[in-house]
Amino acid sequence: MPVLDRLTLGKSGEDLACRELGRRGYAILARRYRTRIGELDIVARDHGVLVFVEVKTRTSDRFGVPAEAVTLHKQAKVRMMADDYLLRKGLADCPCRFDVVAVTMPCGGRPVIEIVQNAF
């Protein structure tokens, strides 16, 4: 898949994830929050808990379901980026968790969105 297509797919998946999270009562605080380590896809608040959301979007499960792409290495990076966010925002004592939104967008079909709370 060409890079532009992957970027478009990823952005579309994040858009769908934000809509679904909002529908479920999450307040979106930031999207694509950049740190020196990388980028947090979504930062949200859910009933007083700060949620760092990693979004994985695929067109099929041919190479595994989207959530499986959040490897231990990726989890460690997201944790470091979350620490950076908490430090910069002065939220060191804020309760937080890590969710994964898995989006499957089959060609010609309806997107399937799965939210895994406390994924890691």
N, C-alpha and C. Protein backbone atom coordinates (compact mmCIF):
# COMPACT_ATOMS: atom_id res chain seq x y z
N MET A 1 0.85 -1.17 0.00
CA MET A 1 0.00 0.00 0.00
C MET A 1 0.90 1.24 0.00
N PRO A 2 0.69 2.18 -0.90
CA PRO A 2 1.50 3.39 -0.92
C PRO A 2 1.37 4.18 0.38
N VAL A 3 2.41 4.97 0.70
CA VAL A 3 2.44 5.72 1.94
C VAL A 3 1.22 6.64 2.07
N LEU A 4 0.88 7.35 1.01
CA LEU A 4 -0.25 8.27 1.07
C LEU A 4 -1.53 7.53 1.45
N ASP A 5 -1.73 6.36 0.88
CA ASP A 5 -2.92 5.57 1.21
C ASP A 5 -2.92 5.16 2.68
N ARG A 6 -1.75 4.80 3.21
CA ARG A 6 -1.67 4.43 4.63
C ARG A 6 -1.99 5.62 5.51
N LEU A 7 -1.47 6.79 5.13
CA LEU A 7 -1.74 8.00 5.91
C LEU A 7 -3.23 8.34 5.89
N THR A 8 -3.84 8.23 4.71
CA THR A 8 -5.27 8.51 4.58
C THR A 8 -6.08 7.51 5.38
N LEU A 9 -5.71 6.24 5.32
CA LEU A 9 -6.40 5.20 6.08
C LEU A 9 -6.27 5.47 7.57
N GLY A 10 -5.07 5.82 8.02
CA GLY A 10 -4.85 6.10 9.44
C GLY A 10 -5.66 7.30 9.92
N LYS A 11 -5.68 8.36 9.13
CA LYS A 11 -6.47 9.56 9.49
C LYS A 11 -7.95 9.23 9.54
N SER A 12 -8.44 8.47 8.57
CA SER A 12 -9.85 8.07 8.56
C SER A 12 -10.18 7.23 9.80
N GLY A 13 -9.28 6.32 10.17
CA GLY A 13 -9.48 5.51 11.36
C GLY A 13 -9.53 6.35 12.62
N GLU A 14 -8.64 7.35 12.71
CA GLU A 14 -8.65 8.23 13.87
C GLU A 14 -9.93 9.06 13.93
N ASP A 15 -10.40 9.52 12.77
CA ASP A 15 -11.66 10.27 12.73
C ASP A 15 -12.82 9.41 13.25
N LEU A 16 -12.89 8.17 12.76
CA LEU A 16 -13.94 7.26 13.22
C LEU A 16 -13.81 6.97 14.71
N ALA A 17 -12.57 6.78 15.17
CA ALA A 17 -12.33 6.50 16.58
C ALA A 17 -12.81 7.67 17.45
N CYS A 18 -12.49 8.89 17.03
CA CYS A 18 -12.93 10.07 17.80
C CYS A 18 -14.45 10.16 17.87
N ARG A 19 -15.10 9.90 16.75
CA ARG A 19 -16.57 9.94 16.75
C ARG A 19 -17.16 8.91 17.69
N GLU A 20 -16.61 7.69 17.64
CA GLU A 20 -17.13 6.62 18.50
C GLU A 20 -16.83 6.90 19.97
N LEU A 21 -15.63 7.38 20.25
CA LEU A 21 -15.29 7.72 21.63
C LEU A 21 -16.23 8.82 22.15
N GLY A 22 -16.46 9.83 21.32
CA GLY A 22 -17.38 10.91 21.70
C GLY A 22 -18.79 10.39 21.94
N ARG A 23 -19.22 9.48 21.08
CA ARG A 23 -20.55 8.88 21.24
C ARG A 23 -20.67 8.14 22.57
N ARG A 24 -19.55 7.59 23.03
CA ARG A 24 -19.54 6.84 24.29
C ARG A 24 -19.23 7.72 25.50
N GLY A 25 -19.15 9.03 25.29
CA GLY A 25 -18.99 9.94 26.41
C GLY A 25 -17.58 10.42 26.69
N TYR A 26 -16.61 9.99 25.92
CA TYR A 26 -15.24 10.49 26.10
C TYR A 26 -15.19 11.94 25.63
N ALA A 27 -14.41 12.77 26.31
CA ALA A 27 -14.13 14.13 25.86
C ALA A 27 -12.74 14.12 25.22
N ILE A 28 -12.66 14.46 23.95
CA ILE A 28 -11.38 14.46 23.24
C ILE A 28 -10.62 15.73 23.64
N LEU A 29 -9.42 15.57 24.19
CA LEU A 29 -8.60 16.69 24.62
C LEU A 29 -7.54 17.06 23.59
N ALA A 30 -7.00 16.04 22.91
CA ALA A 30 -5.94 16.29 21.93
C ALA A 30 -5.92 15.15 20.91
N ARG A 31 -5.53 15.53 19.70
CA ARG A 31 -5.30 14.53 18.63
C ARG A 31 -3.91 14.77 18.08
N ARG A 32 -3.24 13.68 17.81
CA ARG A 32 -1.89 13.75 17.23
C ARG A 32 -0.98 14.65 18.05
N TYR A 33 -0.95 14.39 19.35
CA TYR A 33 -0.11 15.18 20.26
C TYR A 33 1.33 14.74 20.09
N ARG A 34 2.16 15.69 19.67
CA ARG A 34 3.56 15.37 19.37
C ARG A 34 4.45 15.51 20.60
N THR A 35 5.32 14.51 20.76
CA THR A 35 6.36 14.54 21.78
C THR A 35 7.69 14.29 21.07
N ARG A 36 8.78 14.37 21.82
CA ARG A 36 10.08 14.10 21.20
C ARG A 36 10.24 12.63 20.82
N ILE A 37 9.42 11.78 21.40
CA ILE A 37 9.49 10.33 21.15
C ILE A 37 8.62 9.92 19.97
N GLY A 38 7.52 10.62 19.79
CA GLY A 38 6.56 10.26 18.75
C GLY A 38 5.27 11.02 18.95
N GLU A 39 4.18 10.41 18.52
CA GLU A 39 2.90 11.08 18.52
C GLU A 39 1.83 10.23 19.20
N LEU A 40 1.12 10.83 20.15
CA LEU A 40 -0.03 10.17 20.75
C LEU A 40 -1.22 10.38 19.82
N ASP A 41 -1.93 9.31 19.48
CA ASP A 41 -3.05 9.44 18.55
C ASP A 41 -4.15 10.31 19.13
N ILE A 42 -4.63 9.94 20.32
CA ILE A 42 -5.73 10.67 20.95
C ILE A 42 -5.49 10.71 22.46
N VAL A 43 -5.75 11.88 23.04
CA VAL A 43 -5.79 12.01 24.49
C VAL A 43 -7.22 12.44 24.82
N ALA A 44 -7.84 11.71 25.74
CA ALA A 44 -9.24 11.99 26.07
C ALA A 44 -9.46 11.90 27.57
N ARG A 45 -10.65 12.30 27.98
CA ARG A 45 -11.05 12.15 29.38
C ARG A 45 -12.33 11.32 29.40
N ASP A 46 -12.34 10.32 30.28
CA ASP A 46 -13.51 9.46 30.42
C ASP A 46 -13.85 9.36 31.90
N HIS A 47 -14.90 10.06 32.30
CA HIS A 47 -15.35 10.06 33.70
C HIS A 47 -14.20 10.34 34.68
N GLY A 48 -13.47 11.41 34.43
CA GLY A 48 -12.41 11.82 35.35
C GLY A 48 -11.09 11.10 35.18
N VAL A 49 -11.01 10.18 34.23
CA VAL A 49 -9.77 9.45 33.98
C VAL A 49 -9.19 9.95 32.66
N LEU A 50 -7.89 10.25 32.68
CA LEU A 50 -7.21 10.66 31.46
C LEU A 50 -6.89 9.39 30.67
N VAL A 51 -7.26 9.37 29.39
CA VAL A 51 -7.11 8.17 28.58
C VAL A 51 -6.19 8.46 27.40
N PHE A 52 -5.14 7.66 27.27
CA PHE A 52 -4.25 7.74 26.13
C PHE A 52 -4.69 6.63 25.18
N VAL A 53 -5.09 7.03 23.97
CA VAL A 53 -5.71 6.10 23.04
C VAL A 53 -4.79 5.87 21.84
N GLU A 54 -4.47 4.63 21.60
CA GLU A 54 -3.73 4.24 20.41
C GLU A 54 -4.74 3.68 19.41
N VAL A 55 -4.72 4.20 18.19
CA VAL A 55 -5.66 3.77 17.16
C VAL A 55 -4.91 2.96 16.12
N LYS A 56 -5.44 1.80 15.80
CA LYS A 56 -4.87 0.97 14.73
C LYS A 56 -5.97 0.68 13.73
N THR A 57 -5.69 0.98 12.47
CA THR A 57 -6.68 0.83 11.41
C THR A 57 -6.14 -0.12 10.34
N ARG A 58 -6.98 -1.03 9.92
CA ARG A 58 -6.63 -1.97 8.86
C ARG A 58 -7.83 -2.11 7.91
N THR A 59 -7.56 -2.61 6.71
CA THR A 59 -8.65 -2.87 5.77
C THR A 59 -9.15 -4.30 5.88
N SER A 60 -8.37 -5.16 6.51
CA SER A 60 -8.78 -6.55 6.72
C SER A 60 -7.96 -7.12 7.88
N ASP A 61 -8.28 -8.35 8.27
CA ASP A 61 -7.48 -9.00 9.31
C ASP A 61 -6.51 -10.02 8.70
N ARG A 62 -6.22 -9.83 7.44
CA ARG A 62 -5.32 -10.74 6.71
C ARG A 62 -3.97 -10.91 7.42
N PHE A 63 -3.47 -9.84 7.99
CA PHE A 63 -2.19 -9.88 8.69
C PHE A 63 -2.37 -9.75 10.20
N GLY A 64 -3.56 -10.09 10.68
CA GLY A 64 -3.87 -10.00 12.10
C GLY A 64 -4.85 -8.87 12.36
N VAL A 65 -5.52 -8.95 13.49
CA VAL A 65 -6.48 -7.90 13.84
C VAL A 65 -5.70 -6.65 14.23
N PRO A 66 -6.31 -5.47 14.04
CA PRO A 66 -5.59 -4.22 14.29
C PRO A 66 -4.96 -4.11 15.68
N ALA A 67 -5.68 -4.53 16.70
CA ALA A 67 -5.17 -4.39 18.08
C ALA A 67 -3.87 -5.16 18.30
N GLU A 68 -3.65 -6.23 17.53
CA GLU A 68 -2.42 -7.01 17.67
C GLU A 68 -1.18 -6.21 17.25
N ALA A 69 -1.38 -5.13 16.52
CA ALA A 69 -0.26 -4.30 16.07
C ALA A 69 0.28 -3.42 17.20
N VAL A 70 -0.38 -3.40 18.33
CA VAL A 70 0.11 -2.62 19.47
C VAL A 70 1.03 -3.55 20.28
N THR A 71 2.26 -3.64 19.80
CA THR A 71 3.26 -4.54 20.38
C THR A 71 3.76 -4.03 21.73
N LEU A 72 4.52 -4.84 22.41
CA LEU A 72 5.11 -4.42 23.69
C LEU A 72 6.00 -3.19 23.48
N HIS A 73 6.73 -3.15 22.37
CA HIS A 73 7.57 -1.99 22.05
C HIS A 73 6.71 -0.74 21.89
N LYS A 74 5.60 -0.85 21.16
CA LYS A 74 4.70 0.29 20.95
C LYS A 74 4.09 0.72 22.28
N GLN A 75 3.70 -0.24 23.11
CA GLN A 75 3.14 0.08 24.42
C GLN A 75 4.12 0.89 25.26
N ALA A 76 5.39 0.48 25.23
CA ALA A 76 6.42 1.20 25.99
C ALA A 76 6.57 2.63 25.47
N LYS A 77 6.52 2.81 24.15
CA LYS A 77 6.61 4.16 23.58
C LYS A 77 5.42 5.01 23.99
N VAL A 78 4.23 4.44 23.95
CA VAL A 78 3.03 5.18 24.33
C VAL A 78 3.11 5.58 25.80
N ARG A 79 3.61 4.70 26.65
CA ARG A 79 3.76 5.04 28.07
C ARG A 79 4.73 6.21 28.26
N MET A 80 5.85 6.19 27.53
CA MET A 80 6.82 7.29 27.63
C MET A 80 6.21 8.60 27.13
N MET A 81 5.44 8.53 26.04
CA MET A 81 4.80 9.74 25.53
C MET A 81 3.74 10.25 26.50
N ALA A 82 3.04 9.32 27.15
CA ALA A 82 2.04 9.71 28.15
C ALA A 82 2.72 10.39 29.33
N ASP A 83 3.85 9.86 29.77
CA ASP A 83 4.60 10.50 30.85
C ASP A 83 4.98 11.93 30.47
N ASP A 84 5.42 12.11 29.23
CA ASP A 84 5.77 13.43 28.73
C ASP A 84 4.55 14.37 28.79
N TYR A 85 3.41 13.88 28.32
CA TYR A 85 2.18 14.67 28.33
C TYR A 85 1.81 15.08 29.76
N LEU A 86 1.83 14.11 30.67
CA LEU A 86 1.46 14.38 32.06
C LEU A 86 2.40 15.40 32.70
N LEU A 87 3.68 15.29 32.42
CA LEU A 87 4.66 16.22 32.96
C LEU A 87 4.45 17.63 32.40
N ARG A 88 4.30 17.74 31.09
CA ARG A 88 4.12 19.05 30.45
C ARG A 88 2.82 19.74 30.88
N LYS A 89 1.78 18.95 31.14
CA LYS A 89 0.48 19.52 31.51
C LYS A 89 0.30 19.65 33.02
N GLY A 90 1.29 19.23 33.79
CA GLY A 90 1.19 19.32 35.25
C GLY A 90 0.14 18.40 35.82
N LEU A 91 0.02 17.21 35.26
CA LEU A 91 -1.04 16.28 35.67
C LEU A 91 -0.47 14.99 36.27
N ALA A 92 0.64 15.10 36.95
CA ALA A 92 1.33 13.92 37.46
C ALA A 92 0.46 13.02 38.35
N ASP A 93 -0.48 13.62 39.08
CA ASP A 93 -1.31 12.83 40.00
C ASP A 93 -2.65 12.41 39.40
N CYS A 94 -2.84 12.66 38.12
CA CYS A 94 -4.12 12.37 37.46
C CYS A 94 -4.24 10.87 37.17
N PRO A 95 -5.36 10.24 37.51
CA PRO A 95 -5.53 8.83 37.14
C PRO A 95 -5.61 8.71 35.62
N CYS A 96 -4.94 7.69 35.10
CA CYS A 96 -4.97 7.50 33.65
C CYS A 96 -4.98 6.03 33.28
N ARG A 97 -5.29 5.79 32.02
CA ARG A 97 -5.29 4.42 31.50
C ARG A 97 -4.96 4.48 30.01
N PHE A 98 -4.75 3.30 29.44
CA PHE A 98 -4.39 3.18 28.04
C PHE A 98 -5.42 2.31 27.33
N ASP A 99 -6.08 2.91 26.35
CA ASP A 99 -7.07 2.19 25.54
C ASP A 99 -6.53 2.01 24.12
N VAL A 100 -7.04 1.01 23.45
CA VAL A 100 -6.75 0.81 22.03
C VAL A 100 -8.07 0.81 21.29
N VAL A 101 -8.11 1.56 20.19
CA VAL A 101 -9.27 1.50 19.30
C VAL A 101 -8.81 0.80 18.04
N ALA A 102 -9.43 -0.33 17.76
CA ALA A 102 -9.13 -1.11 16.57
C ALA A 102 -10.22 -0.85 15.53
N VAL A 103 -9.81 -0.35 14.37
CA VAL A 103 -10.76 -0.03 13.32
C VAL A 103 -10.44 -0.91 12.11
N THR A 104 -11.45 -1.63 11.65
CA THR A 104 -11.32 -2.40 10.41
C THR A 104 -12.25 -1.78 9.39
N MET A 105 -11.65 -1.37 8.25
CA MET A 105 -12.41 -0.69 7.20
C MET A 105 -12.35 -1.54 5.92
N PRO A 106 -13.22 -2.55 5.82
CA PRO A 106 -13.19 -3.40 4.63
C PRO A 106 -13.67 -2.62 3.39
N CYS A 107 -13.09 -2.94 2.25
CA CYS A 107 -13.49 -2.28 1.00
C CYS A 107 -14.98 -2.53 0.76
N GLY A 108 -15.73 -1.44 0.62
CA GLY A 108 -17.15 -1.56 0.34
C GLY A 108 -18.02 -1.94 1.51
N GLY A 109 -17.42 -2.17 2.67
CA GLY A 109 -18.21 -2.56 3.84
C GLY A 109 -18.22 -1.49 4.90
N ARG A 110 -19.03 -1.71 5.92
CA ARG A 110 -19.10 -0.78 7.04
C ARG A 110 -17.90 -0.97 7.95
N PRO A 111 -17.34 0.12 8.46
CA PRO A 111 -16.23 0.00 9.41
C PRO A 111 -16.67 -0.70 10.69
N VAL A 112 -15.75 -1.46 11.25
CA VAL A 112 -15.98 -2.12 12.53
C VAL A 112 -15.02 -1.47 13.51
N ILE A 113 -15.57 -0.97 14.61
CA ILE A 113 -14.78 -0.25 15.60
C ILE A 113 -14.88 -0.98 16.93
N GLU A 114 -13.72 -1.34 17.47
CA GLU A 114 -13.68 -2.01 18.76
C GLU A 114 -12.82 -1.18 19.72
N ILE A 115 -13.34 -0.90 20.89
CA ILE A 115 -12.60 -0.15 21.90
C ILE A 115 -12.20 -1.12 23.01
N VAL A 116 -10.90 -1.20 23.25
CA VAL A 116 -10.38 -2.06 24.31
C VAL A 116 -9.89 -1.15 25.42
N GLN A 117 -10.65 -1.09 26.51
CA GLN A 117 -10.26 -0.25 27.65
C GLN A 117 -9.21 -0.97 28.47
N ASN A 118 -8.31 -0.19 29.07
CA ASN A 118 -7.22 -0.76 29.88
C ASN A 118 -6.47 -1.83 29.10
N ALA A 119 -6.16 -1.53 27.85
CA ALA A 119 -5.54 -2.51 26.96
C ALA A 119 -4.14 -2.92 27.43
N PHE A 120 -3.45 -1.99 28.09
CA PHE A 120 -2.11 -2.31 28.60
C PHE A 120 -1.76 -1.40 29.75
